[in-house]
Amino acid sequence: ENLVDAFSMMDSDLRSFYKKELNPDTLSAIKASQVKTRTSIIEKSYKINGRLIDTTILYKRELIAFDDTPIKELFIRSEMVLEAQLERTEEKPYQLLVTNYKEYKLDQRKKSED
């Protein structure tokens, strides 16, 4: 996933929050865990209210060891509020701004439980 694209779609408060989360300690811990992910969208819906778009996305995130051994599946519902911008700019190339984002973990299974 491309962080630059993701950050360009966030309002300044949300962008600041996630930049704090991606500190050197967090990145080192991610590298040390030797785990990668694969994300598959299961279902998506949205409701438009003027320039605001309320979205709900249900997706599966598979945790996989660097040697491709499956570890765990996470099922997550994300809720996002997007604000359509009046025009496309260099700062907002997608003409959308994420103003709110929340994730809810629904069901978690280790691959050995299947």
Protein backbone atom coordinates (compact mmCIF):
# COMPACT_ATOMS: atom_id res chain seq x y z
CA GLU A 1 0.00 0.00 0.00
CA ASN A 2 1.24 3.44 -0.89
CA LEU A 3 1.58 5.74 2.14
CA VAL A 4 2.18 8.85 0.06
CA ASP A 5 -1.15 8.37 -1.76
CA ALA A 6 -2.91 7.56 1.50
CA PHE A 7 -1.53 10.63 3.29
CA SER A 8 -2.49 12.89 0.37
CA MET A 9 -6.12 11.89 0.92
CA MET A 10 -6.24 12.67 4.67
CA ASP A 11 -7.11 15.90 6.37
CA SER A 12 -4.26 17.39 8.43
CA ASP A 13 -5.45 16.03 11.81
CA LEU A 14 -5.79 12.48 10.52
CA ARG A 15 -2.47 12.70 8.65
CA SER A 16 -0.68 13.92 11.83
CA PHE A 17 -2.18 11.08 13.87
CA TYR A 18 -0.95 8.38 11.46
CA LYS A 19 2.47 9.98 10.98
CA LYS A 20 3.00 9.77 14.76
CA GLU A 21 2.04 6.08 14.61
CA LEU A 22 4.69 5.39 11.94
CA ASN A 23 7.72 6.17 14.08
CA PRO A 24 11.11 4.39 13.79
CA ASP A 25 10.27 2.02 16.68
CA THR A 26 7.03 0.91 15.02
CA LEU A 27 8.72 0.40 11.67
CA SER A 28 11.55 -1.60 13.30
CA ALA A 29 9.02 -3.81 15.08
CA ILE A 30 7.20 -4.43 11.79
CA LYS A 31 10.45 -5.42 10.06
CA ALA A 32 11.52 -7.63 12.98
CA SER A 33 8.18 -9.50 12.96
CA GLN A 34 8.90 -10.67 9.39
CA VAL A 35 5.19 -10.61 8.57
CA LYS A 36 3.52 -9.26 5.44
CA THR A 37 -0.16 -8.83 4.69
CA ARG A 38 -2.57 -9.39 1.84
CA THR A 39 -5.87 -7.51 1.85
CA SER A 40 -9.05 -8.57 0.04
CA ILE A 41 -12.20 -6.45 -0.03
CA ILE A 42 -15.30 -8.51 0.74
CA GLU A 43 -18.03 -5.88 0.64
CA LYS A 44 -18.30 -2.11 0.27
CA SER A 45 -21.12 0.38 0.52
CA TYR A 46 -21.47 4.14 0.58
CA LYS A 47 -24.00 6.91 1.08
CA ILE A 48 -23.60 10.38 -0.46
CA ASN A 49 -24.82 13.41 1.45
CA GLY A 50 -23.82 16.56 -0.43
CA ARG A 51 -20.01 16.62 -0.56
CA LEU A 52 -19.70 14.00 2.20
CA ILE A 53 -19.46 10.31 1.40
CA ASP A 54 -19.97 7.83 4.27
CA THR A 55 -18.36 4.51 3.38
CA THR A 56 -18.25 1.10 5.00
CA ILE A 57 -15.80 -1.53 3.82
CA LEU A 58 -15.57 -5.11 5.02
CA TYR A 59 -12.25 -6.72 4.23
CA LYS A 60 -10.03 -9.66 5.07
CA ARG A 61 -6.38 -9.10 5.93
CA GLU A 62 -4.19 -12.18 5.79
CA LEU A 63 -1.03 -12.15 7.89
CA ILE A 64 1.70 -14.13 6.14
CA ALA A 65 5.28 -14.87 7.19
CA PHE A 66 8.04 -13.72 4.85
CA ASP A 67 8.49 -17.39 3.85
CA ASP A 68 4.79 -17.36 2.72
CA THR A 69 3.50 -19.45 5.65
CA PRO A 70 -0.07 -18.31 6.50
CA ILE A 71 -0.36 -17.06 10.10
CA LYS A 72 -3.75 -15.50 10.70
CA GLU A 73 -6.80 -13.97 9.04
CA LEU A 74 -8.34 -10.76 10.33
CA PHE A 75 -11.81 -9.64 9.32
CA ILE A 76 -12.19 -5.88 9.64
CA ARG A 77 -14.96 -3.38 9.07
CA SER A 78 -13.74 0.12 8.33
CA GLU A 79 -15.89 3.21 8.37
CA MET A 80 -14.68 6.31 6.61
CA VAL A 81 -16.03 9.76 5.88
CA LEU A 82 -14.72 11.30 2.67
CA GLU A 83 -15.22 14.90 1.64
CA ALA A 84 -15.29 15.59 -2.09
CA GLN A 85 -13.09 18.55 -2.95
CA LEU A 86 -14.28 21.18 -5.42
CA GLU A 87 -11.25 20.72 -7.64
CA ARG A 88 -8.25 18.44 -8.08
CA THR A 89 -4.97 19.92 -6.85
CA GLU A 90 -1.39 18.73 -6.49
CA GLU A 91 -2.04 18.31 -2.75
CA LYS A 92 -5.35 16.49 -3.34
CA PRO A 93 -4.85 14.53 -6.57
CA TYR A 94 -7.85 12.26 -5.93
CA GLN A 95 -10.21 15.17 -5.21
CA LEU A 96 -11.21 13.40 -1.97
CA LEU A 97 -10.24 14.07 1.61
CA VAL A 98 -10.59 11.48 4.39
CA THR A 99 -11.96 13.35 7.39
CA ASN A 100 -12.68 10.38 9.67
CA TYR A 101 -11.51 6.77 9.73
CA LYS A 102 -12.25 3.91 12.17
CA GLU A 103 -11.57 0.18 12.06
CA TYR A 104 -13.33 -2.59 13.94
CA LYS A 105 -11.85 -6.11 14.14
CA LEU A 106 -14.68 -8.59 13.70
CA ASP A 107 -13.35 -12.14 13.78
CA GLN A 108 -9.81 -13.36 14.09
CA ARG A 109 -8.65 -16.87 13.30
CA LYS A 110 -5.27 -18.51 13.28
CA LYS A 111 -4.77 -20.48 10.08
CA SER A 112 -4.41 -23.70 12.13
CA GLU A 113 -8.04 -23.26 13.38
CA ASP A 114 -9.53 -23.69 9.87
